[in-house]
């Protein structure tokens, strides 16, 4: 307690004498220091501002160029859709419809591709052809497929695109186009 009084007693005349508080404190500490005893000096640092990343003009120009560059493929699912339609047409699938579900809020996938065949043998052949051509052209295997036992309605799920291969009377009964009427429907003419 005595040291504090001594320091504050020596600071008061210095502040009154016109010296700043900071220099007064330093001089008071020096004057009360005992010989042979070192006091730990507290370093006072100014708050450093975080460094901003400096970018040169070439880096900024490069960043602008990268932002302007567009992907050559507008729709990433388009190669998959093309391969599926090719697989359906190879085995003479009929009434091919592509339903674009991207504008629907609670959609299951981005596209439905629906086609029909006249027999169970043709339904199996179409689904096999679709899987084979997609594997050859894109290298993608279906995430899930079902309906091969009855071969009246085979579903092949590629996550973004789901393929429905129906027999004619089953397609009329379920009428998926009417169920997803909000979708944009494109029809492909079969030969």
C-alpha atoms as a PDB file:
ATOM      1  CA  UNK A   1       0.000   0.000   0.000  1.00  0.00           C
ATOM      2  CA  UNK A   2       2.836   2.357   0.753  1.00  0.00           C
ATOM      3  CA  UNK A   3       4.272   1.936  -2.729  1.00  0.00           C
ATOM      4  CA  UNK A   4       0.992   2.893  -4.346  1.00  0.00           C
ATOM      5  CA  UNK A   5       0.770   6.009  -2.250  1.00  0.00           C
ATOM      6  CA  UNK A   6       4.305   6.921  -3.154  1.00  0.00           C
ATOM      7  CA  UNK A   7       3.672   6.483  -6.861  1.00  0.00           C
ATOM      8  CA  UNK A   8       0.420   8.392  -6.851  1.00  0.00           C
ATOM      9  CA  UNK A   9       1.975  11.115  -4.716  1.00  0.00           C
ATOM     10  CA  UNK A  10       4.787  11.522  -7.221  1.00  0.00           C
ATOM     11  CA  UNK A  11       2.430  11.444 -10.241  1.00  0.00           C
ATOM     12  CA  UNK A  12       0.172  14.230  -9.059  1.00  0.00           C
ATOM     13  CA  UNK A  13       2.796  16.996  -9.198  1.00  0.00           C
ATOM     14  CA  UNK A  14       3.935  15.804 -12.656  1.00  0.00           C
ATOM     15  CA  UNK A  15       0.422  15.880 -14.103  1.00  0.00           C
ATOM     16  CA  UNK A  16      -0.098  19.294 -12.565  1.00  0.00           C
ATOM     17  CA  UNK A  17       3.197  20.365 -14.095  1.00  0.00           C
ATOM     18  CA  UNK A  18       1.794  19.785 -17.590  1.00  0.00           C
ATOM     19  CA  UNK A  19       3.274  16.378 -18.374  1.00  0.00           C
ATOM     20  CA  UNK A  20       1.033  13.673 -19.742  1.00  0.00           C
ATOM     21  CA  UNK A  21      -0.270  10.964 -17.501  1.00  0.00           C
ATOM     22  CA  UNK A  22       1.607   8.254 -19.397  1.00  0.00           C
ATOM     23  CA  UNK A  23       5.029   9.872 -19.054  1.00  0.00           C
ATOM     24  CA  UNK A  24       4.278  10.774 -15.459  1.00  0.00           C
ATOM     25  CA  UNK A  25       3.528   7.140 -14.619  1.00  0.00           C
ATOM     26  CA  UNK A  26       6.751   5.984 -16.260  1.00  0.00           C
ATOM     27  CA  UNK A  27       8.872   8.501 -14.331  1.00  0.00           C
ATOM     28  CA  UNK A  28       7.130   7.660 -11.062  1.00  0.00           C
ATOM     29  CA  UNK A  29       7.816   3.958 -11.529  1.00  0.00           C
ATOM     30  CA  UNK A  30      11.495   4.676 -12.288  1.00  0.00           C
ATOM     31  CA  UNK A  31      11.850   6.877  -9.249  1.00  0.00           C
ATOM     32  CA  UNK A  32      10.401   4.254  -6.878  1.00  0.00           C
ATOM     33  CA  UNK A  33      12.440   1.387  -8.293  1.00  0.00           C
ATOM     34  CA  UNK A  34      14.817  -0.215  -5.839  1.00  0.00           C
ATOM     35  CA  UNK A  35      18.385  -0.707  -6.964  1.00  0.00           C
ATOM     36  CA  UNK A  36      19.121  -4.208  -8.288  1.00  0.00           C
ATOM     37  CA  UNK A  37      15.416  -5.111  -8.828  1.00  0.00           C
ATOM     38  CA  UNK A  38      14.112  -5.192 -12.369  1.00  0.00           C
ATOM     39  CA  UNK A  39      10.481  -4.541 -12.955  1.00  0.00           C
ATOM     40  CA  UNK A  40       8.660  -6.298 -15.742  1.00  0.00           C
ATOM     41  CA  UNK A  41       7.854  -3.723 -18.332  1.00  0.00           C
ATOM     42  CA  UNK A  42       4.432  -4.013 -19.834  1.00  0.00           C
ATOM     43  CA  UNK A  43       4.480  -3.405 -23.511  1.00  0.00           C
ATOM     44  CA  UNK A  44       1.636  -1.338 -24.742  1.00  0.00           C
ATOM     45  CA  UNK A  45       0.718  -1.951 -28.327  1.00  0.00           C
ATOM     46  CA  UNK A  46      -1.759  -0.172 -30.453  1.00  0.00           C
ATOM     47  CA  UNK A  47      -4.621  -2.251 -31.761  1.00  0.00           C
ATOM     48  CA  UNK A  48      -3.552  -3.558 -35.100  1.00  0.00           C
ATOM     49  CA  UNK A  49      -6.035  -3.492 -37.898  1.00  0.00           C
ATOM     50  CA  UNK A  50      -6.498  -6.792 -39.710  1.00  0.00           C
ATOM     51  CA  UNK A  51      -4.625  -6.845 -42.958  1.00  0.00           C
ATOM     52  CA  UNK A  52      -6.718  -6.538 -46.050  1.00  0.00           C
ATOM     53  CA  UNK A  53      -5.806  -8.771 -48.928  1.00  0.00           C
ATOM     54  CA  UNK A  54      -4.335  -6.659 -51.623  1.00  0.00           C
ATOM     55  CA  UNK A  55      -5.189  -7.825 -55.081  1.00  0.00           C
ATOM     56  CA  UNK A  56      -3.447  -6.484 -58.081  1.00  0.00           C
ATOM     57  CA  UNK A  57      -5.264  -5.527 -61.220  1.00  0.00           C
ATOM     58  CA  UNK A  58      -4.388  -8.774 -63.042  1.00  0.00           C
ATOM     59  CA  UNK A  59      -5.937 -10.864 -60.267  1.00  0.00           C
ATOM     60  CA  UNK A  60      -9.112  -8.753 -60.293  1.00  0.00           C
ATOM     61  CA  UNK A  61      -9.364  -8.997 -64.073  1.00  0.00           C
ATOM     62  CA  UNK A  62      -8.890 -12.758 -63.898  1.00  0.00           C
ATOM     63  CA  UNK A  63     -11.655 -13.023 -61.288  1.00  0.00           C
ATOM     64  CA  UNK A  64     -14.004 -11.074 -63.534  1.00  0.00           C
ATOM     65  CA  UNK A  65     -13.202 -13.333 -66.477  1.00  0.00           C
ATOM     66  CA  UNK A  66     -13.933 -16.438 -64.397  1.00  0.00           C
ATOM     67  CA  UNK A  67     -17.312 -15.039 -63.384  1.00  0.00           C
ATOM     68  CA  UNK A  68     -18.264 -14.310 -66.986  1.00  0.00           C
ATOM     69  CA  UNK A  69     -17.339 -17.760 -68.288  1.00  0.00           C
ATOM     70  CA  UNK A  70     -20.347 -20.010 -68.811  1.00  0.00           C
ATOM     71  CA  UNK A  71     -20.614 -23.753 -68.789  1.00  0.00           C
ATOM     72  CA  UNK A  72     -20.748 -25.259 -72.287  1.00  0.00           C
ATOM     73  CA  UNK A  73     -23.638 -27.505 -71.191  1.00  0.00           C
ATOM     74  CA  UNK A  74     -26.668 -25.496 -70.080  1.00  0.00           C
ATOM     75  CA  UNK A  75     -28.435 -28.467 -68.547  1.00  0.00           C
ATOM     76  CA  UNK A  76     -26.177 -31.005 -66.803  1.00  0.00           C
ATOM     77  CA  UNK A  77     -28.838 -33.730 -67.163  1.00  0.00           C
ATOM     78  CA  UNK A  78     -29.080 -33.295 -70.951  1.00  0.00           C
ATOM     79  CA  UNK A  79     -26.454 -35.925 -71.895  1.00  0.00           C
ATOM     80  CA  UNK A  80     -28.259 -38.437 -69.670  1.00  0.00           C
ATOM     81  CA  UNK A  81     -31.630 -37.567 -71.227  1.00  0.00           C
ATOM     82  CA  UNK A  82     -30.193 -37.932 -74.744  1.00  0.00           C
ATOM     83  CA  UNK A  83     -28.723 -41.348 -73.911  1.00  0.00           C
ATOM     84  CA  UNK A  84     -32.016 -42.546 -72.402  1.00  0.00           C
ATOM     85  CA  UNK A  85     -34.047 -41.408 -75.410  1.00  0.00           C
ATOM     86  CA  UNK A  86     -31.527 -43.091 -77.733  1.00  0.00           C
ATOM     87  CA  UNK A  87     -31.923 -46.342 -75.754  1.00  0.00           C
ATOM     88  CA  UNK A  88     -35.714 -46.150 -76.022  1.00  0.00           C
ATOM     89  CA  UNK A  89     -35.672 -45.415 -79.764  1.00  0.00           C
ATOM     90  CA  UNK A  90     -33.202 -48.224 -80.453  1.00  0.00           C
ATOM     91  CA  UNK A  91     -35.775 -50.807 -79.355  1.00  0.00           C
ATOM     92  CA  UNK A  92     -38.700 -48.881 -80.903  1.00  0.00           C
ATOM     93  CA  UNK A  93     -40.345 -47.504 -77.771  1.00  0.00           C
ATOM     94  CA  UNK A  94     -43.493 -45.485 -78.493  1.00  0.00           C
ATOM     95  CA  UNK A  95     -44.991 -42.184 -77.303  1.00  0.00           C
ATOM     96  CA  UNK A  96     -41.924 -40.828 -75.566  1.00  0.00           C
ATOM     97  CA  UNK A  97     -42.662 -37.921 -73.223  1.00  0.00           C
ATOM     98  CA  UNK A  98     -40.135 -35.885 -71.266  1.00  0.00           C
ATOM     99  CA  UNK A  99     -41.597 -34.115 -68.246  1.00  0.00           C
ATOM    100  CA  UNK A 100     -39.477 -31.232 -66.960  1.00  0.00           C
ATOM    101  CA  UNK A 101     -40.251 -31.103 -63.225  1.00  0.00           C
ATOM    102  CA  UNK A 102     -37.701 -28.417 -62.281  1.00  0.00           C
ATOM    103  CA  UNK A 103     -40.357 -25.700 -61.962  1.00  0.00           C
ATOM    104  CA  UNK A 104     -42.387 -27.788 -59.483  1.00  0.00           C
ATOM    105  CA  UNK A 105     -41.568 -27.054 -55.847  1.00  0.00           C
ATOM    106  CA  UNK A 106     -41.879 -30.529 -54.239  1.00  0.00           C
ATOM    107  CA  UNK A 107     -40.539 -32.633 -57.049  1.00  0.00           C
ATOM    108  CA  UNK A 108     -39.068 -36.097 -56.783  1.00  0.00           C
ATOM    109  CA  UNK A 109     -36.451 -35.544 -59.481  1.00  0.00           C
ATOM    110  CA  UNK A 110     -35.725 -33.114 -62.296  1.00  0.00           C
ATOM    111  CA  UNK A 111     -37.092 -35.125 -65.234  1.00  0.00           C
ATOM    112  CA  UNK A 112     -39.459 -38.005 -65.929  1.00  0.00           C
ATOM    113  CA  UNK A 113     -39.069 -39.826 -69.214  1.00  0.00           C
ATOM    114  CA  UNK A 114     -42.124 -41.915 -70.016  1.00  0.00           C
ATOM    115  CA  UNK A 115     -42.552 -44.346 -72.885  1.00  0.00           C
ATOM    116  CA  UNK A 116     -44.646 -47.372 -73.739  1.00  0.00           C
ATOM    117  CA  UNK A 117     -44.342 -50.749 -75.433  1.00  0.00           C
ATOM    118  CA  UNK A 118     -46.778 -53.339 -76.738  1.00  0.00           C
ATOM    119  CA  UNK A 119     -45.547 -56.421 -74.835  1.00  0.00           C
ATOM    120  CA  UNK A 120     -43.679 -57.453 -71.694  1.00  0.00           C
ATOM    121  CA  UNK A 121     -40.775 -58.597 -73.860  1.00  0.00           C
ATOM    122  CA  UNK A 122     -40.499 -55.163 -75.446  1.00  0.00           C
ATOM    123  CA  UNK A 123     -40.752 -53.442 -72.013  1.00  0.00           C
ATOM    124  CA  UNK A 124     -37.803 -55.559 -70.796  1.00  0.00           C
ATOM    125  CA  UNK A 125     -35.869 -54.871 -74.014  1.00  0.00           C
ATOM    126  CA  UNK A 126     -36.377 -51.093 -73.731  1.00  0.00           C
ATOM    127  CA  UNK A 127     -35.238 -50.963 -70.096  1.00  0.00           C
ATOM    128  CA  UNK A 128     -32.210 -53.142 -70.890  1.00  0.00           C
ATOM    129  CA  UNK A 129     -31.329 -50.947 -73.852  1.00  0.00           C
ATOM    130  CA  UNK A 130     -31.612 -47.769 -71.766  1.00  0.00           C
ATOM    131  CA  UNK A 131     -29.322 -49.147 -69.045  1.00  0.00           C
ATOM    132  CA  UNK A 132     -26.773 -50.385 -71.589  1.00  0.00           C
ATOM    133  CA  UNK A 133     -26.573 -47.185 -73.656  1.00  0.00           C
ATOM    134  CA  UNK A 134     -26.396 -44.939 -70.583  1.00  0.00           C
ATOM    135  CA  UNK A 135     -23.575 -47.105 -69.196  1.00  0.00           C
ATOM    136  CA  UNK A 136     -21.677 -46.984 -72.508  1.00  0.00           C
ATOM    137  CA  UNK A 137     -22.125 -43.280 -73.295  1.00  0.00           C
ATOM    138  CA  UNK A 138     -22.031 -41.730 -69.835  1.00  0.00           C
ATOM    139  CA  UNK A 139     -20.707 -44.475 -67.597  1.00  0.00           C
ATOM    140  CA  UNK A 140     -23.592 -44.155 -65.157  1.00  0.00           C
ATOM    141  CA  UNK A 141     -25.485 -47.011 -63.550  1.00  0.00           C
ATOM    142  CA  UNK A 142     -29.040 -46.632 -62.244  1.00  0.00           C
ATOM    143  CA  UNK A 143     -29.439 -45.819 -58.565  1.00  0.00           C
ATOM    144  CA  UNK A 144     -32.494 -48.106 -58.405  1.00  0.00           C
ATOM    145  CA  UNK A 145     -34.646 -50.079 -60.819  1.00  0.00           C
ATOM    146  CA  UNK A 146     -37.737 -52.202 -60.288  1.00  0.00           C
ATOM    147  CA  UNK A 147     -40.633 -53.880 -62.056  1.00  0.00           C
ATOM    148  CA  UNK A 148     -38.677 -56.499 -64.027  1.00  0.00           C
ATOM    149  CA  UNK A 149     -40.724 -59.412 -62.648  1.00  0.00           C
ATOM    150  CA  UNK A 150     -44.075 -58.393 -64.126  1.00  0.00           C
ATOM    151  CA  UNK A 151     -42.601 -56.176 -66.864  1.00  0.00           C
ATOM    152  CA  UNK A 152     -45.759 -54.092 -67.066  1.00  0.00           C
ATOM    153  CA  UNK A 153     -44.177 -50.971 -65.578  1.00  0.00           C
ATOM    154  CA  UNK A 154     -40.399 -50.792 -65.189  1.00  0.00           C
ATOM    155  CA  UNK A 155     -38.914 -47.854 -63.333  1.00  0.00           C
ATOM    156  CA  UNK A 156     -35.244 -46.917 -63.755  1.00  0.00           C
ATOM    157  CA  UNK A 157     -34.002 -44.234 -61.342  1.00  0.00           C
ATOM    158  CA  UNK A 158     -30.917 -42.180 -62.254  1.00  0.00           C
ATOM    159  CA  UNK A 159     -31.608 -39.721 -59.368  1.00  0.00           C
ATOM    160  CA  UNK A 160     -32.021 -36.592 -61.528  1.00  0.00           C
ATOM    161  CA  UNK A 161     -33.896 -38.480 -64.248  1.00  0.00           C
ATOM    162  CA  UNK A 162     -36.440 -41.261 -63.691  1.00  0.00           C
ATOM    163  CA  UNK A 163     -37.451 -43.477 -66.620  1.00  0.00           C
ATOM    164  CA  UNK A 164     -40.885 -45.136 -66.728  1.00  0.00           C
ATOM    165  CA  UNK A 165     -41.366 -47.896 -69.304  1.00  0.00           C
ATOM    166  CA  UNK A 166     -45.034 -48.949 -69.470  1.00  0.00           C
ATOM    167  CA  UNK A 167     -47.160 -51.385 -71.346  1.00  0.00           C
ATOM    168  CA  UNK A 168     -49.781 -49.392 -73.261  1.00  0.00           C
ATOM    169  CA  UNK A 169     -52.816 -50.260 -71.101  1.00  0.00           C
ATOM    170  CA  UNK A 170     -50.899 -49.649 -67.825  1.00  0.00           C
ATOM    171  CA  UNK A 171     -49.779 -46.224 -69.048  1.00  0.00           C
ATOM    172  CA  UNK A 172     -53.362 -45.266 -69.840  1.00  0.00           C
ATOM    173  CA  UNK A 173     -54.504 -46.439 -66.397  1.00  0.00           C
ATOM    174  CA  UNK A 174     -51.916 -44.506 -64.331  1.00  0.00           C
ATOM    175  CA  UNK A 175     -51.703 -41.463 -66.657  1.00  0.00           C
ATOM    176  CA  UNK A 176     -48.592 -39.905 -65.122  1.00  0.00           C
ATOM    177  CA  UNK A 177     -48.730 -36.956 -67.514  1.00  0.00           C
ATOM    178  CA  UNK A 178     -52.040 -35.839 -65.964  1.00  0.00           C
ATOM    179  CA  UNK A 179     -50.685 -36.428 -62.447  1.00  0.00           C
ATOM    180  CA  UNK A 180     -47.721 -34.135 -63.155  1.00  0.00           C
ATOM    181  CA  UNK A 181     -49.718 -31.694 -65.318  1.00  0.00           C
ATOM    182  CA  UNK A 182     -47.794 -28.684 -63.947  1.00  0.00           C
ATOM    183  CA  UNK A 183     -44.626 -29.999 -65.590  1.00  0.00           C
ATOM    184  CA  UNK A 184     -43.423 -28.827 -68.972  1.00  0.00           C
ATOM    185  CA  UNK A 185     -44.057 -31.774 -71.305  1.00  0.00           C
ATOM    186  CA  UNK A 186     -42.048 -32.475 -74.468  1.00  0.00           C
ATOM    187  CA  UNK A 187     -43.070 -35.262 -76.813  1.00  0.00           C
ATOM    188  CA  UNK A 188     -40.623 -37.067 -79.055  1.00  0.00           C
ATOM    189  CA  UNK A 189     -41.901 -38.547 -82.298  1.00  0.00           C
ATOM    190  CA  UNK A 190     -41.029 -42.218 -82.616  1.00  0.00           C
ATOM    191  CA  UNK A 191     -40.461 -43.781 -86.018  1.00  0.00           C
END
